[in-house]
N, C-alpha and C. Protein backbone atom coordinates (compact mmCIF):
# COMPACT_ATOMS: atom_id res chain seq x y z
N MET A 1 15.68 8.20 -4.72
CA MET A 1 16.06 8.03 -3.40
C MET A 1 16.51 9.24 -2.66
N LYS A 2 16.21 9.42 -1.45
CA LYS A 2 16.88 10.57 -0.55
C LYS A 2 17.45 9.92 0.54
N LEU A 3 18.80 10.44 0.68
CA LEU A 3 19.57 10.16 1.89
C LEU A 3 19.62 11.35 2.73
N TYR A 4 19.01 11.15 3.96
CA TYR A 4 19.14 12.19 4.96
C TYR A 4 20.42 11.94 5.75
N TYR A 5 21.14 12.94 5.88
CA TYR A 5 22.55 12.98 6.38
C TYR A 5 22.90 14.15 7.32
N PHE A 6 23.89 13.93 8.08
CA PHE A 6 24.70 15.02 8.70
C PHE A 6 26.05 14.80 8.55
N PRO A 7 26.84 15.92 8.09
CA PRO A 7 28.32 15.64 7.79
C PRO A 7 29.09 14.86 8.81
N ASN A 8 29.83 13.98 8.38
CA ASN A 8 30.76 13.15 9.15
C ASN A 8 29.94 12.15 10.19
N ALA A 9 28.65 12.07 9.93
CA ALA A 9 27.86 11.05 10.75
C ALA A 9 27.92 9.71 10.00
N CYS A 10 27.38 8.56 10.65
CA CYS A 10 27.41 7.42 9.97
C CYS A 10 26.66 7.35 8.70
N SER A 11 25.94 8.39 8.48
CA SER A 11 25.25 8.46 7.22
C SER A 11 26.30 8.61 5.96
N LEU A 12 27.47 8.97 6.26
CA LEU A 12 28.55 8.98 5.36
C LEU A 12 28.72 7.60 4.54
N ALA A 13 28.55 6.52 5.43
CA ALA A 13 28.88 5.18 4.84
C ALA A 13 27.78 4.93 3.71
N PRO A 14 26.49 5.04 3.85
CA PRO A 14 25.62 4.84 2.60
C PRO A 14 25.80 5.99 1.58
N HIS A 15 26.22 7.08 1.96
CA HIS A 15 26.59 8.15 0.94
C HIS A 15 27.66 7.65 -0.06
N ILE A 16 28.63 7.04 0.63
CA ILE A 16 29.80 6.50 -0.19
C ILE A 16 29.35 5.36 -1.06
N VAL A 17 28.47 4.53 -0.43
CA VAL A 17 27.98 3.30 -1.20
C VAL A 17 27.17 3.76 -2.37
N LEU A 18 26.30 4.75 -2.21
CA LEU A 18 25.37 5.23 -3.19
C LEU A 18 26.32 5.64 -4.45
N ARG A 19 27.48 6.32 -4.02
CA ARG A 19 28.35 6.80 -5.20
C ARG A 19 29.23 5.54 -5.84
N GLU A 20 29.51 4.72 -4.97
CA GLU A 20 30.13 3.51 -5.44
C GLU A 20 29.38 2.81 -6.52
N LEU A 21 28.10 2.69 -6.22
CA LEU A 21 27.12 2.04 -7.06
C LEU A 21 26.57 2.88 -8.21
N ALA A 22 26.93 4.18 -8.21
CA ALA A 22 26.45 5.22 -9.24
C ALA A 22 24.88 5.08 -9.29
N LEU A 23 24.26 5.13 -8.07
CA LEU A 23 22.72 5.10 -8.01
C LEU A 23 22.33 6.67 -7.95
N PRO A 24 21.13 6.92 -8.54
CA PRO A 24 20.71 8.28 -8.46
C PRO A 24 20.07 8.56 -6.97
N PHE A 25 20.43 9.76 -6.36
CA PHE A 25 19.95 10.05 -5.04
C PHE A 25 20.06 11.51 -4.87
N ASP A 26 19.20 11.97 -3.85
CA ASP A 26 19.39 13.36 -3.43
C ASP A 26 19.84 13.30 -1.94
N LEU A 27 20.78 14.22 -1.68
CA LEU A 27 21.18 14.43 -0.28
C LEU A 27 20.30 15.44 0.44
N VAL A 28 19.84 15.13 1.60
CA VAL A 28 19.06 16.12 2.33
C VAL A 28 19.75 16.28 3.76
N LEU A 29 20.29 17.37 3.93
CA LEU A 29 20.92 17.71 5.24
C LEU A 29 19.92 17.91 6.33
N VAL A 30 20.37 17.22 7.53
CA VAL A 30 19.53 17.28 8.66
C VAL A 30 20.18 18.03 9.84
N ASP A 31 19.51 18.94 10.41
CA ASP A 31 19.99 19.75 11.69
C ASP A 31 19.76 18.70 12.81
N ASN A 32 20.87 18.15 13.35
CA ASN A 32 20.79 17.10 14.31
C ASN A 32 20.12 17.64 15.73
N LYS A 33 20.40 18.90 15.86
CA LYS A 33 19.80 19.40 17.24
C LYS A 33 18.20 19.79 17.03
N ALA A 34 17.98 20.49 15.87
CA ALA A 34 16.57 21.04 15.74
C ALA A 34 15.70 19.87 15.29
N LYS A 35 16.21 18.93 14.67
CA LYS A 35 15.61 17.76 13.95
C LYS A 35 14.64 18.26 12.89
N THR A 36 15.28 19.16 12.18
CA THR A 36 14.66 19.55 10.88
C THR A 36 15.53 19.36 9.67
N THR A 37 15.08 19.29 8.55
CA THR A 37 15.90 19.14 7.33
C THR A 37 16.15 20.54 6.66
N ALA A 38 17.13 20.52 5.72
CA ALA A 38 17.44 21.75 5.15
C ALA A 38 16.31 22.45 4.44
N ASN A 39 15.32 21.58 4.03
CA ASN A 39 14.12 22.20 3.26
C ASN A 39 12.94 22.30 4.20
N GLY A 40 13.19 22.32 5.52
CA GLY A 40 12.20 22.68 6.59
C GLY A 40 11.26 21.54 6.97
N GLU A 41 11.54 20.30 6.59
CA GLU A 41 10.70 19.17 7.10
C GLU A 41 11.10 18.84 8.50
N ASN A 42 10.06 18.31 9.26
CA ASN A 42 10.33 17.80 10.51
C ASN A 42 10.96 16.47 10.46
N PHE A 43 12.23 16.26 10.78
CA PHE A 43 12.85 15.08 10.57
C PHE A 43 12.28 13.84 11.30
N LEU A 44 11.69 14.19 12.46
CA LEU A 44 11.03 13.20 13.22
C LEU A 44 9.85 12.53 12.51
N HIS A 45 9.32 13.27 11.61
CA HIS A 45 8.15 12.60 10.74
C HIS A 45 8.78 11.66 9.79
N ILE A 46 10.06 11.86 9.42
CA ILE A 46 10.70 10.97 8.39
C ILE A 46 11.33 9.73 9.18
N ASN A 47 12.03 9.99 10.25
CA ASN A 47 12.59 8.96 11.14
C ASN A 47 12.33 9.34 12.57
N PRO A 48 11.36 8.56 13.28
CA PRO A 48 11.03 8.95 14.55
C PRO A 48 12.13 8.70 15.61
N LYS A 49 13.18 7.95 15.22
CA LYS A 49 14.23 7.73 16.07
C LYS A 49 15.14 9.01 16.25
N GLY A 50 15.03 9.82 15.20
CA GLY A 50 15.61 11.21 15.29
C GLY A 50 17.09 11.46 14.94
N TYR A 51 17.59 10.38 14.28
CA TYR A 51 18.97 10.45 13.92
C TYR A 51 19.18 9.83 12.53
N VAL A 52 20.36 10.38 11.80
CA VAL A 52 20.61 9.87 10.60
C VAL A 52 21.47 8.50 10.85
N ALA A 53 21.48 7.64 9.66
CA ALA A 53 21.11 7.91 8.45
C ALA A 53 19.61 7.42 8.20
N ALA A 54 18.93 7.96 7.21
CA ALA A 54 17.65 7.49 6.88
C ALA A 54 17.62 7.62 5.34
N LEU A 55 17.17 6.58 4.65
CA LEU A 55 17.15 6.47 3.37
C LEU A 55 15.51 6.33 2.86
N GLN A 56 15.08 7.33 2.21
CA GLN A 56 13.74 7.28 1.63
C GLN A 56 13.74 6.74 0.30
N LEU A 57 12.99 5.75 0.12
CA LEU A 57 12.96 5.09 -1.22
C LEU A 57 11.98 5.82 -2.17
N ASP A 58 11.95 5.58 -3.39
CA ASP A 58 11.07 6.24 -4.24
C ASP A 58 9.61 5.90 -4.05
N ASN A 59 9.31 4.83 -3.31
CA ASN A 59 7.91 4.55 -3.11
C ASN A 59 7.50 5.03 -1.75
N GLY A 60 8.35 5.81 -1.14
CA GLY A 60 7.96 6.45 0.10
C GLY A 60 8.43 5.82 1.39
N GLN A 61 8.78 4.60 1.22
CA GLN A 61 9.24 3.81 2.48
C GLN A 61 10.56 4.42 3.07
N VAL A 62 10.65 4.34 4.29
CA VAL A 62 11.97 4.94 4.85
C VAL A 62 12.76 3.68 5.58
N LEU A 63 14.11 3.63 5.20
CA LEU A 63 14.83 2.65 5.88
C LEU A 63 15.84 3.33 6.73
N THR A 64 16.04 2.80 7.91
CA THR A 64 17.09 3.34 8.90
C THR A 64 18.00 2.33 9.28
N GLU A 65 19.02 2.82 10.01
CA GLU A 65 20.18 1.99 10.63
C GLU A 65 20.99 1.73 9.42
N ALA A 66 22.39 2.11 9.64
CA ALA A 66 23.43 2.11 8.58
C ALA A 66 23.59 0.64 8.03
N SER A 67 23.58 -0.42 8.93
CA SER A 67 23.93 -1.72 8.49
C SER A 67 22.78 -2.32 7.57
N ALA A 68 21.52 -1.91 7.91
CA ALA A 68 20.48 -2.32 6.94
C ALA A 68 20.57 -1.53 5.64
N ILE A 69 20.72 -0.24 5.73
CA ILE A 69 20.74 0.56 4.54
C ILE A 69 21.83 0.09 3.64
N LEU A 70 23.05 -0.14 4.22
CA LEU A 70 24.12 -0.60 3.40
C LEU A 70 23.89 -1.96 2.53
N GLN A 71 23.20 -2.84 3.22
CA GLN A 71 22.95 -4.20 2.68
C GLN A 71 21.96 -4.06 1.59
N TYR A 72 20.89 -3.16 1.81
CA TYR A 72 19.80 -2.87 0.93
C TYR A 72 20.46 -2.28 -0.35
N LEU A 73 21.37 -1.29 -0.20
CA LEU A 73 21.91 -0.68 -1.40
C LEU A 73 22.82 -1.62 -2.15
N ALA A 74 23.61 -2.45 -1.50
CA ALA A 74 24.51 -3.36 -2.17
C ALA A 74 23.71 -4.42 -3.02
N ASP A 75 22.64 -4.76 -2.42
CA ASP A 75 21.71 -5.79 -3.21
C ASP A 75 21.04 -5.26 -4.43
N LEU A 76 20.89 -3.94 -4.61
CA LEU A 76 20.35 -3.21 -5.76
C LEU A 76 21.29 -3.54 -6.96
N LYS A 77 22.53 -3.66 -6.67
CA LYS A 77 23.55 -3.79 -7.72
C LYS A 77 24.50 -5.04 -7.38
N PRO A 78 24.08 -6.15 -7.36
CA PRO A 78 24.85 -7.33 -6.81
C PRO A 78 26.17 -7.54 -7.75
N ALA A 79 26.13 -7.12 -9.02
CA ALA A 79 27.34 -7.31 -9.82
C ALA A 79 28.55 -6.44 -9.27
N ALA A 80 28.25 -5.35 -8.57
CA ALA A 80 29.31 -4.60 -7.99
C ALA A 80 30.03 -5.28 -6.82
N GLU A 81 29.47 -6.36 -6.31
CA GLU A 81 30.15 -7.11 -5.26
C GLU A 81 30.59 -6.49 -4.02
N LEU A 82 29.68 -5.55 -3.56
CA LEU A 82 29.87 -4.76 -2.27
C LEU A 82 29.37 -5.59 -1.21
N ALA A 83 28.59 -6.57 -1.45
CA ALA A 83 28.07 -7.52 -0.45
C ALA A 83 28.02 -8.86 -1.06
N PRO A 84 28.39 -9.92 -0.37
CA PRO A 84 28.25 -11.34 -0.78
C PRO A 84 26.72 -11.63 -1.05
N ALA A 85 26.46 -12.61 -1.71
CA ALA A 85 25.09 -13.06 -2.10
C ALA A 85 24.27 -13.34 -0.88
N ASN A 86 22.97 -13.01 -0.83
CA ASN A 86 22.11 -13.40 0.42
C ASN A 86 22.07 -14.79 0.45
N GLY A 87 22.18 -15.46 1.64
CA GLY A 87 21.99 -16.82 1.89
C GLY A 87 23.44 -17.54 1.97
N SER A 88 24.48 -16.74 1.61
CA SER A 88 25.71 -17.43 1.49
C SER A 88 26.48 -17.32 2.87
N TRP A 89 27.47 -18.11 3.14
CA TRP A 89 28.26 -18.04 4.38
C TRP A 89 28.93 -16.73 4.39
N GLU A 90 29.41 -16.24 3.36
CA GLU A 90 30.24 -15.04 3.23
C GLU A 90 29.23 -13.88 3.65
N ARG A 91 28.06 -13.93 3.28
CA ARG A 91 27.13 -12.80 3.68
C ARG A 91 26.83 -12.75 5.18
N VAL A 92 26.81 -14.00 5.79
CA VAL A 92 26.67 -14.16 7.21
C VAL A 92 28.01 -13.40 7.87
N ARG A 93 29.07 -13.66 7.30
CA ARG A 93 30.28 -12.92 7.76
C ARG A 93 30.25 -11.47 7.64
N LEU A 94 29.68 -10.99 6.55
CA LEU A 94 29.50 -9.63 6.37
C LEU A 94 28.53 -9.00 7.48
N GLN A 95 27.54 -9.71 7.81
CA GLN A 95 26.67 -9.39 8.84
C GLN A 95 27.26 -9.25 10.22
N GLU A 96 28.16 -10.24 10.30
CA GLU A 96 28.86 -10.37 11.63
C GLU A 96 29.81 -8.97 11.86
N TRP A 97 30.51 -8.70 10.74
CA TRP A 97 31.31 -7.45 10.74
C TRP A 97 30.48 -6.32 10.91
N LEU A 98 29.41 -6.15 10.25
CA LEU A 98 28.54 -5.00 10.33
C LEU A 98 28.01 -4.80 11.75
N ASN A 99 27.55 -5.86 12.44
CA ASN A 99 27.16 -5.80 13.81
C ASN A 99 28.27 -5.50 14.72
N PHE A 100 29.51 -5.92 14.47
CA PHE A 100 30.58 -5.62 15.25
C PHE A 100 30.93 -4.14 15.20
N ILE A 101 30.93 -3.67 13.93
CA ILE A 101 31.26 -2.17 13.80
C ILE A 101 30.24 -1.31 14.50
N ALA A 102 29.01 -1.64 14.26
CA ALA A 102 27.80 -0.87 14.79
C ALA A 102 27.86 -0.82 16.37
N THR A 103 28.03 -2.02 16.98
CA THR A 103 28.09 -2.05 18.43
C THR A 103 29.28 -1.68 19.11
N GLU A 104 30.43 -2.20 18.56
CA GLU A 104 31.69 -1.95 19.30
C GLU A 104 32.45 -0.89 18.81
N ILE A 105 32.59 -0.54 17.54
CA ILE A 105 33.25 0.54 17.08
C ILE A 105 32.58 1.88 16.82
N HIS A 106 31.44 1.74 16.38
CA HIS A 106 30.52 2.96 16.27
C HIS A 106 30.22 3.40 17.71
N GLY A 107 29.65 2.50 18.38
CA GLY A 107 29.21 2.67 19.69
C GLY A 107 30.27 3.14 20.66
N GLY A 108 31.57 2.43 20.42
CA GLY A 108 32.71 2.80 21.22
C GLY A 108 33.18 4.16 21.11
N LEU A 109 33.20 4.59 19.85
CA LEU A 109 33.81 6.00 19.63
C LEU A 109 32.60 7.05 19.82
N ALA A 110 31.28 6.84 19.52
CA ALA A 110 30.35 7.72 19.67
C ALA A 110 30.13 8.22 21.14
N VAL A 111 30.49 7.37 22.12
CA VAL A 111 30.34 7.71 23.47
C VAL A 111 31.16 8.87 23.78
N PHE A 112 32.18 9.09 23.13
CA PHE A 112 33.11 10.24 23.49
C PHE A 112 32.64 11.50 23.02
N PHE A 113 31.50 11.65 22.17
CA PHE A 113 30.88 12.92 21.78
C PHE A 113 30.22 13.48 22.89
N ASN A 114 30.00 12.63 24.01
CA ASN A 114 29.41 13.17 25.19
C ASN A 114 30.51 13.83 26.15
N ASP A 115 30.54 15.13 26.28
CA ASP A 115 31.45 15.79 26.95
C ASP A 115 31.63 15.41 28.52
N ALA A 116 30.53 14.67 28.99
CA ALA A 116 30.48 14.29 30.34
C ALA A 116 31.44 13.10 30.62
N ILE A 117 31.77 12.46 29.50
CA ILE A 117 32.54 11.23 29.60
C ILE A 117 34.13 11.66 29.76
N GLN A 118 34.47 11.72 31.03
CA GLN A 118 35.93 12.23 31.39
C GLN A 118 36.58 11.32 32.40
N GLY A 119 37.91 11.54 32.60
CA GLY A 119 38.61 10.98 33.64
C GLY A 119 38.57 9.44 33.53
N GLU A 120 38.30 8.84 34.84
CA GLU A 120 38.32 7.31 34.87
C GLU A 120 37.34 6.64 33.91
N VAL A 121 36.12 7.35 33.84
CA VAL A 121 35.09 6.76 33.07
C VAL A 121 35.57 6.73 31.49
N ARG A 122 36.23 7.77 31.08
CA ARG A 122 36.66 7.78 29.69
C ARG A 122 37.82 6.79 29.50
N ALA A 123 38.75 6.66 30.46
CA ALA A 123 39.79 5.61 30.36
C ALA A 123 39.17 4.26 30.29
N THR A 124 38.15 3.95 30.94
CA THR A 124 37.50 2.69 31.00
C THR A 124 36.88 2.32 29.56
N PHE A 125 36.25 3.37 29.05
CA PHE A 125 35.53 3.24 27.69
C PHE A 125 36.68 3.11 26.65
N GLN A 126 37.70 3.87 26.76
CA GLN A 126 38.81 3.71 25.92
C GLN A 126 39.53 2.54 25.92
N ALA A 127 39.81 1.90 27.09
CA ALA A 127 40.48 0.60 27.13
C ALA A 127 39.64 -0.45 26.49
N THR A 128 38.41 -0.42 26.60
CA THR A 128 37.49 -1.37 25.89
C THR A 128 37.55 -1.26 24.41
N LEU A 129 37.52 0.05 24.04
CA LEU A 129 37.52 0.50 22.51
C LEU A 129 38.84 -0.16 21.96
N PHE A 130 40.04 -0.05 22.64
CA PHE A 130 41.29 -0.39 22.16
C PHE A 130 41.32 -1.86 22.00
N LYS A 131 40.67 -2.66 22.89
CA LYS A 131 40.54 -4.10 22.78
C LYS A 131 39.88 -4.43 21.46
N ARG A 132 38.81 -3.72 21.16
CA ARG A 132 38.15 -3.95 19.78
C ARG A 132 38.93 -3.46 18.60
N PHE A 133 39.80 -2.58 18.79
CA PHE A 133 40.64 -2.15 17.70
C PHE A 133 41.64 -3.36 17.47
N ALA A 134 42.11 -4.03 18.52
CA ALA A 134 42.98 -5.19 18.44
C ALA A 134 42.34 -6.25 17.47
N VAL A 135 41.13 -6.47 17.65
CA VAL A 135 40.37 -7.51 16.82
C VAL A 135 40.46 -7.07 15.29
N LEU A 136 40.13 -5.79 15.10
CA LEU A 136 40.32 -5.27 13.67
C LEU A 136 41.77 -5.46 13.16
N VAL A 137 42.64 -5.13 14.03
CA VAL A 137 44.20 -5.30 13.56
C VAL A 137 44.49 -6.58 13.18
N GLN A 138 44.05 -7.63 13.99
CA GLN A 138 44.32 -8.94 13.65
C GLN A 138 43.92 -9.37 12.20
N THR A 139 42.82 -8.86 11.76
CA THR A 139 42.26 -9.05 10.38
C THR A 139 43.03 -8.19 9.41
N LEU A 140 43.09 -6.87 9.65
CA LEU A 140 43.63 -6.02 8.58
C LEU A 140 45.21 -6.02 8.49
N GLU A 141 45.82 -6.84 9.38
CA GLU A 141 47.23 -7.00 9.24
C GLU A 141 47.55 -8.06 8.16
N ARG A 142 46.57 -8.83 7.86
CA ARG A 142 46.83 -9.98 6.96
C ARG A 142 46.00 -9.93 5.65
N GLN A 143 45.05 -8.81 5.51
CA GLN A 143 44.26 -8.61 4.29
C GLN A 143 43.97 -7.16 4.33
N ASP A 144 43.66 -6.77 3.01
CA ASP A 144 43.21 -5.40 2.79
C ASP A 144 42.04 -4.90 3.36
N TYR A 145 41.07 -5.75 3.29
CA TYR A 145 39.57 -5.38 3.75
C TYR A 145 39.04 -6.46 4.56
N LEU A 146 38.00 -6.18 5.26
CA LEU A 146 37.39 -7.06 6.35
C LEU A 146 37.01 -8.51 5.83
N LEU A 147 36.67 -8.52 4.53
CA LEU A 147 36.31 -9.83 3.95
C LEU A 147 37.33 -10.44 3.08
N GLY A 148 38.56 -9.80 3.08
CA GLY A 148 39.54 -10.39 2.30
C GLY A 148 40.14 -9.30 1.30
N SER A 149 40.26 -9.61 0.04
CA SER A 149 40.72 -8.74 -0.90
C SER A 149 39.56 -7.81 -1.56
N GLN A 150 38.39 -8.23 -1.31
CA GLN A 150 37.24 -7.56 -1.79
C GLN A 150 36.68 -6.47 -0.97
N TYR A 151 36.82 -5.13 -1.39
CA TYR A 151 36.05 -4.01 -0.63
C TYR A 151 34.61 -4.39 -0.52
N SER A 152 33.91 -4.12 0.59
CA SER A 152 32.49 -4.32 0.92
C SER A 152 31.99 -3.13 1.63
N VAL A 153 30.68 -3.21 1.79
CA VAL A 153 30.00 -2.11 2.53
C VAL A 153 30.44 -1.98 3.93
N ALA A 154 30.95 -3.14 4.47
CA ALA A 154 31.48 -3.16 5.95
C ALA A 154 32.69 -2.30 5.99
N ASP A 155 33.48 -2.23 4.92
CA ASP A 155 34.65 -1.37 4.84
C ASP A 155 34.31 0.01 4.89
N ALA A 156 33.20 0.40 4.10
CA ALA A 156 32.80 1.73 3.99
C ALA A 156 32.28 2.32 5.49
N TYR A 157 31.61 1.35 6.14
CA TYR A 157 31.04 1.71 7.41
C TYR A 157 32.30 1.90 8.48
N LEU A 158 33.18 0.93 8.43
CA LEU A 158 34.35 0.98 9.32
C LEU A 158 35.14 2.29 9.00
N PHE A 159 35.39 2.58 7.78
CA PHE A 159 36.07 3.80 7.46
C PHE A 159 35.51 4.93 8.06
N VAL A 160 34.19 5.18 7.95
CA VAL A 160 33.35 6.28 8.40
C VAL A 160 33.58 6.39 9.93
N VAL A 161 33.28 5.33 10.68
CA VAL A 161 33.35 5.55 12.14
C VAL A 161 34.84 5.56 12.66
N LEU A 162 35.81 4.95 11.89
CA LEU A 162 37.15 5.22 12.43
C LEU A 162 37.65 6.58 12.28
N ARG A 163 36.99 7.47 11.38
CA ARG A 163 37.33 8.81 11.25
C ARG A 163 37.10 9.62 12.49
N TRP A 164 36.06 9.08 13.31
CA TRP A 164 35.77 9.83 14.48
C TRP A 164 36.93 9.81 15.52
N ALA A 165 37.88 8.78 15.39
CA ALA A 165 38.98 8.73 16.43
C ALA A 165 39.82 10.11 16.42
N ALA A 166 39.91 10.75 15.35
CA ALA A 166 40.65 12.10 15.31
C ALA A 166 39.91 13.12 16.05
N PHE A 167 38.55 13.10 16.15
CA PHE A 167 37.84 13.97 16.83
C PHE A 167 38.02 13.84 18.41
N HIS A 168 38.51 12.66 18.83
CA HIS A 168 38.62 12.54 20.22
C HIS A 168 40.13 12.24 20.65
N ASP A 169 41.11 12.68 19.82
CA ASP A 169 42.43 12.68 20.08
C ASP A 169 43.03 11.31 20.24
N ILE A 170 42.45 10.49 19.42
CA ILE A 170 42.87 9.09 19.33
C ILE A 170 43.70 8.96 18.00
N ASP A 171 44.96 8.68 18.12
CA ASP A 171 45.75 8.62 16.77
C ASP A 171 45.78 7.26 16.25
N LEU A 172 45.26 7.02 15.11
CA LEU A 172 45.18 5.72 14.65
C LEU A 172 46.66 5.20 13.98
N ARG A 173 47.63 6.17 14.02
CA ARG A 173 48.91 5.78 13.69
C ARG A 173 49.56 4.67 14.77
N GLU A 174 48.86 4.67 15.90
CA GLU A 174 49.38 3.61 16.90
C GLU A 174 48.97 2.37 16.54
N TRP A 175 48.04 2.31 15.52
CA TRP A 175 47.69 0.92 15.01
C TRP A 175 47.92 1.00 13.50
N PRO A 176 49.09 0.69 12.98
CA PRO A 176 49.46 0.90 11.60
C PRO A 176 48.41 0.19 10.64
N ALA A 177 47.92 -0.96 11.06
CA ALA A 177 46.94 -1.59 10.16
C ALA A 177 45.63 -0.90 10.04
N LEU A 178 45.28 -0.20 11.02
CA LEU A 178 44.11 0.72 10.96
C LEU A 178 44.43 1.98 10.11
N ASP A 179 45.52 2.57 10.36
CA ASP A 179 45.86 3.75 9.62
C ASP A 179 45.96 3.35 8.22
N ASN A 180 46.73 2.38 7.78
CA ASN A 180 46.85 1.98 6.42
C ASN A 180 45.49 1.68 5.73
N PHE A 181 44.58 0.97 6.53
CA PHE A 181 43.28 0.79 5.95
C PHE A 181 42.51 2.11 5.68
N GLN A 182 42.65 3.09 6.61
CA GLN A 182 41.90 4.33 6.36
C GLN A 182 42.55 5.05 5.10
N GLN A 183 43.88 5.00 5.06
CA GLN A 183 44.47 5.72 3.68
C GLN A 183 44.10 5.02 2.49
N ARG A 184 44.00 3.63 2.54
CA ARG A 184 43.52 2.89 1.41
C ARG A 184 42.05 3.21 0.98
N VAL A 185 41.09 3.16 1.85
CA VAL A 185 39.82 3.59 1.60
C VAL A 185 39.57 5.07 1.16
N ASN A 186 40.39 5.86 1.87
CA ASN A 186 40.25 7.25 1.54
C ASN A 186 40.68 7.66 0.19
N GLN A 187 41.36 6.82 -0.55
CA GLN A 187 41.75 7.09 -1.96
C GLN A 187 40.67 6.68 -2.94
N ARG A 188 39.58 6.03 -2.61
CA ARG A 188 38.63 5.55 -3.57
C ARG A 188 37.76 6.75 -4.04
N PRO A 189 37.66 6.79 -5.27
CA PRO A 189 36.98 8.00 -5.97
C PRO A 189 35.50 8.27 -5.30
N ALA A 190 34.78 7.29 -4.96
CA ALA A 190 33.49 7.54 -4.27
C ALA A 190 33.57 8.10 -2.84
N VAL A 191 34.67 7.72 -2.15
CA VAL A 191 34.94 8.38 -0.89
C VAL A 191 35.23 9.79 -1.00
N VAL A 192 36.25 10.03 -1.96
CA VAL A 192 36.59 11.44 -2.33
C VAL A 192 35.45 12.28 -2.58
N ALA A 193 34.53 11.72 -3.32
CA ALA A 193 33.44 12.53 -3.95
C ALA A 193 32.43 12.80 -2.66
N ALA A 194 32.11 11.78 -2.00
CA ALA A 194 31.23 11.88 -0.77
C ALA A 194 31.70 12.94 0.18
N LEU A 195 33.00 12.89 0.47
CA LEU A 195 33.55 13.84 1.44
C LEU A 195 33.53 15.19 0.93
N ALA A 196 33.77 15.35 -0.34
CA ALA A 196 33.77 16.72 -0.99
C ALA A 196 32.29 17.26 -0.94
N ALA A 197 31.26 16.31 -1.15
CA ALA A 197 29.84 16.80 -1.13
C ALA A 197 29.42 17.27 0.12
N GLU A 198 29.96 16.45 1.19
CA GLU A 198 29.35 16.76 2.56
C GLU A 198 30.27 18.10 3.11
N ALA A 199 31.35 18.33 2.58
CA ALA A 199 32.08 19.52 2.92
C ALA A 199 31.64 20.83 2.30
N ALA A 200 30.78 20.71 1.25
CA ALA A 200 30.36 21.85 0.43
C ALA A 200 29.32 22.71 1.24
């Protein structure tokens, strides 16, 4: 498999999960602006959407969107329990969290990468984001991970996008449950390895 990535982007979540599962893969760096890969490929030929993450399977098929990639990877090694079994109520809960992270947290933080978002507009977006943080806090104050005591692909995704808060002068220490969650996930060996590989 090949994982097309950009450092600190949402592609870090499948990168972490690939390492959690000890699956063989190659990392391919993408230039987000030029839409080319480190080995000179036109990234738009790989993913016409033009953004990471993209996972190219050994049969040539390409899967995009972090939520889909994460579930696909987890199902390759179900014994690792990074996702509940397909068809179970717990799996539906995982999908609920993945959708919430994608739309409300990922989207809520990504908007601030646009330098045009300033003043009252920024304050409005930020107020909405902080309401979403409150939802996360309600869960993470009473349990270590989104699904309870078991770490899942949703936690990997949440960890990655919450890291973006620091890029936008949002201090997660104002939400101790979120800060504690970040510190807890940050200590996982697969997370340490993925961050080191992307920093190289």
